[in-house]
C-alpha atoms as a PDB file:
ATOM      1  CA  UNK A   1     -50.109  24.473 -10.725  1.00  0.00           C
ATOM      2  CA  UNK A   2     -52.675  24.405  -7.537  1.00  0.00           C
ATOM      3  CA  UNK A   3     -51.922  22.601  -4.401  1.00  0.00           C
ATOM      4  CA  UNK A   4     -52.132  22.473  -0.397  1.00  0.00           C
ATOM      5  CA  UNK A   5     -49.207  22.216   0.624  1.00  0.00           C
ATOM      6  CA  UNK A   6     -47.117  19.464   3.192  1.00  0.00           C
ATOM      7  CA  UNK A   7     -47.204  16.256   3.975  1.00  0.00           C
ATOM      8  CA  UNK A   8     -50.701  14.986   3.797  1.00  0.00           C
ATOM      9  CA  UNK A   9     -51.694  10.728   4.229  1.00  0.00           C
ATOM     10  CA  UNK A  10     -54.700  12.087   0.949  1.00  0.00           C
ATOM     11  CA  UNK A  11     -54.341  13.731  -1.586  1.00  0.00           C
ATOM     12  CA  UNK A  12     -56.231  13.598  -4.967  1.00  0.00           C
ATOM     13  CA  UNK A  13     -54.366  14.128  -7.823  1.00  0.00           C
ATOM     14  CA  UNK A  14     -55.870  16.106 -10.499  1.00  0.00           C
ATOM     15  CA  UNK A  15     -55.105  15.179 -14.274  1.00  0.00           C
ATOM     16  CA  UNK A  16     -55.662  15.920 -17.653  1.00  0.00           C
ATOM     17  CA  UNK A  17     -57.834  14.407 -19.344  1.00  0.00           C
ATOM     18  CA  UNK A  18     -56.994  11.473 -22.441  1.00  0.00           C
ATOM     19  CA  UNK A  19     -59.308  13.347 -24.363  1.00  0.00           C
ATOM     20  CA  UNK A  20     -58.447  16.471 -23.964  1.00  0.00           C
ATOM     21  CA  UNK A  21     -61.414  17.817 -22.586  1.00  0.00           C
ATOM     22  CA  UNK A  22     -62.338  18.013 -18.420  1.00  0.00           C
ATOM     23  CA  UNK A  23     -60.545  16.472 -15.196  1.00  0.00           C
ATOM     24  CA  UNK A  24     -59.691  12.761 -14.245  1.00  0.00           C
ATOM     25  CA  UNK A  25     -59.406  13.133 -10.414  1.00  0.00           C
ATOM     26  CA  UNK A  26     -57.365  10.051  -8.427  1.00  0.00           C
ATOM     27  CA  UNK A  27     -57.497  10.296  -5.337  1.00  0.00           C
ATOM     28  CA  UNK A  28     -53.976   8.729  -3.268  1.00  0.00           C
ATOM     29  CA  UNK A  29     -52.397   7.374  -0.599  1.00  0.00           C
ATOM     30  CA  UNK A  30     -49.444   7.684   1.324  1.00  0.00           C
ATOM     31  CA  UNK A  31     -47.541   5.200   1.200  1.00  0.00           C
ATOM     32  CA  UNK A  32     -43.982   4.170   3.585  1.00  0.00           C
ATOM     33  CA  UNK A  33     -42.431   4.677   0.285  1.00  0.00           C
ATOM     34  CA  UNK A  34     -39.309   7.586  -0.397  1.00  0.00           C
ATOM     35  CA  UNK A  35     -39.181   9.142  -3.963  1.00  0.00           C
ATOM     36  CA  UNK A  36     -36.173  10.206  -5.936  1.00  0.00           C
ATOM     37  CA  UNK A  37     -35.962  13.299  -4.616  1.00  0.00           C
ATOM     38  CA  UNK A  38     -36.874  11.952  -1.054  1.00  0.00           C
ATOM     39  CA  UNK A  39     -40.223  12.750  -0.561  1.00  0.00           C
ATOM     40  CA  UNK A  40     -43.886  10.245  -0.074  1.00  0.00           C
ATOM     41  CA  UNK A  41     -44.801   8.547  -3.006  1.00  0.00           C
ATOM     42  CA  UNK A  42     -48.163   8.116  -2.509  1.00  0.00           C
ATOM     43  CA  UNK A  43     -50.525   5.877  -4.690  1.00  0.00           C
ATOM     44  CA  UNK A  44     -54.280   4.908  -6.074  1.00  0.00           C
ATOM     45  CA  UNK A  45     -55.863   2.319  -4.781  1.00  0.00           C
ATOM     46  CA  UNK A  46     -54.964  -0.609  -7.600  1.00  0.00           C
ATOM     47  CA  UNK A  47     -50.999   0.381  -6.475  1.00  0.00           C
ATOM     48  CA  UNK A  48     -50.756   1.653 -10.272  1.00  0.00           C
ATOM     49  CA  UNK A  49     -50.564   4.986 -10.193  1.00  0.00           C
ATOM     50  CA  UNK A  50     -47.669   5.830  -8.021  1.00  0.00           C
ATOM     51  CA  UNK A  51     -46.555   9.611  -7.467  1.00  0.00           C
ATOM     52  CA  UNK A  52     -44.211  11.648  -5.357  1.00  0.00           C
ATOM     53  CA  UNK A  53     -45.385  14.252  -3.964  1.00  0.00           C
ATOM     54  CA  UNK A  54     -43.567  16.954  -2.262  1.00  0.00           C
ATOM     55  CA  UNK A  55     -44.131  19.779   0.439  1.00  0.00           C
ATOM     56  CA  UNK A  56     -44.648  22.937  -1.793  1.00  0.00           C
ATOM     57  CA  UNK A  57     -46.885  20.980  -3.631  1.00  0.00           C
ATOM     58  CA  UNK A  58     -45.085  19.133  -7.188  1.00  0.00           C
ATOM     59  CA  UNK A  59     -46.100  15.646  -7.335  1.00  0.00           C
ATOM     60  CA  UNK A  60     -43.615  13.864 -10.064  1.00  0.00           C
ATOM     61  CA  UNK A  61     -45.421  10.464 -11.409  1.00  0.00           C
ATOM     62  CA  UNK A  62     -43.572   7.226 -10.913  1.00  0.00           C
ATOM     63  CA  UNK A  63     -44.049   5.092 -14.316  1.00  0.00           C
ATOM     64  CA  UNK A  64     -44.809   1.482 -12.439  1.00  0.00           C
ATOM     65  CA  UNK A  65     -44.058  -0.381 -16.019  1.00  0.00           C
ATOM     66  CA  UNK A  66     -42.673  -0.161 -19.037  1.00  0.00           C
ATOM     67  CA  UNK A  67     -44.765   1.483 -21.907  1.00  0.00           C
ATOM     68  CA  UNK A  68     -47.271   4.327 -19.308  1.00  0.00           C
ATOM     69  CA  UNK A  69     -47.109   6.815 -20.029  1.00  0.00           C
ATOM     70  CA  UNK A  70     -49.898   9.380 -17.777  1.00  0.00           C
ATOM     71  CA  UNK A  71     -50.924  12.313 -18.351  1.00  0.00           C
ATOM     72  CA  UNK A  72     -50.110  15.737 -17.108  1.00  0.00           C
ATOM     73  CA  UNK A  73     -50.532  16.345 -13.335  1.00  0.00           C
ATOM     74  CA  UNK A  74     -53.298  19.668 -13.451  1.00  0.00           C
ATOM     75  CA  UNK A  75     -52.549  20.233  -9.584  1.00  0.00           C
ATOM     76  CA  UNK A  76     -52.806  18.348  -6.636  1.00  0.00           C
ATOM     77  CA  UNK A  77     -54.823  19.192  -3.098  1.00  0.00           C
ATOM     78  CA  UNK A  78     -54.802  17.551  -0.041  1.00  0.00           C
ATOM     79  CA  UNK A  79     -57.841  15.338   2.272  1.00  0.00           C
ATOM     80  CA  UNK A  80     -58.341  16.260   4.386  1.00  0.00           C
END
């Protein structure tokens, strides 16, 4: 997974598109929360998509409701 390292204030997280063709890009901003791995939690503007992103660029999508099945993360890139 390509990524930019570091604890940025915002990331664009790229998911595989639900239709299997193309990509979906979600802009996520840092929250004050930490995830299960101790890394910062980021969320989209709706608060529905949340993910823990490590300084090494690893993304762990966090479920925000029962039955949620997030798409596969392709990469994350810091937003300047």
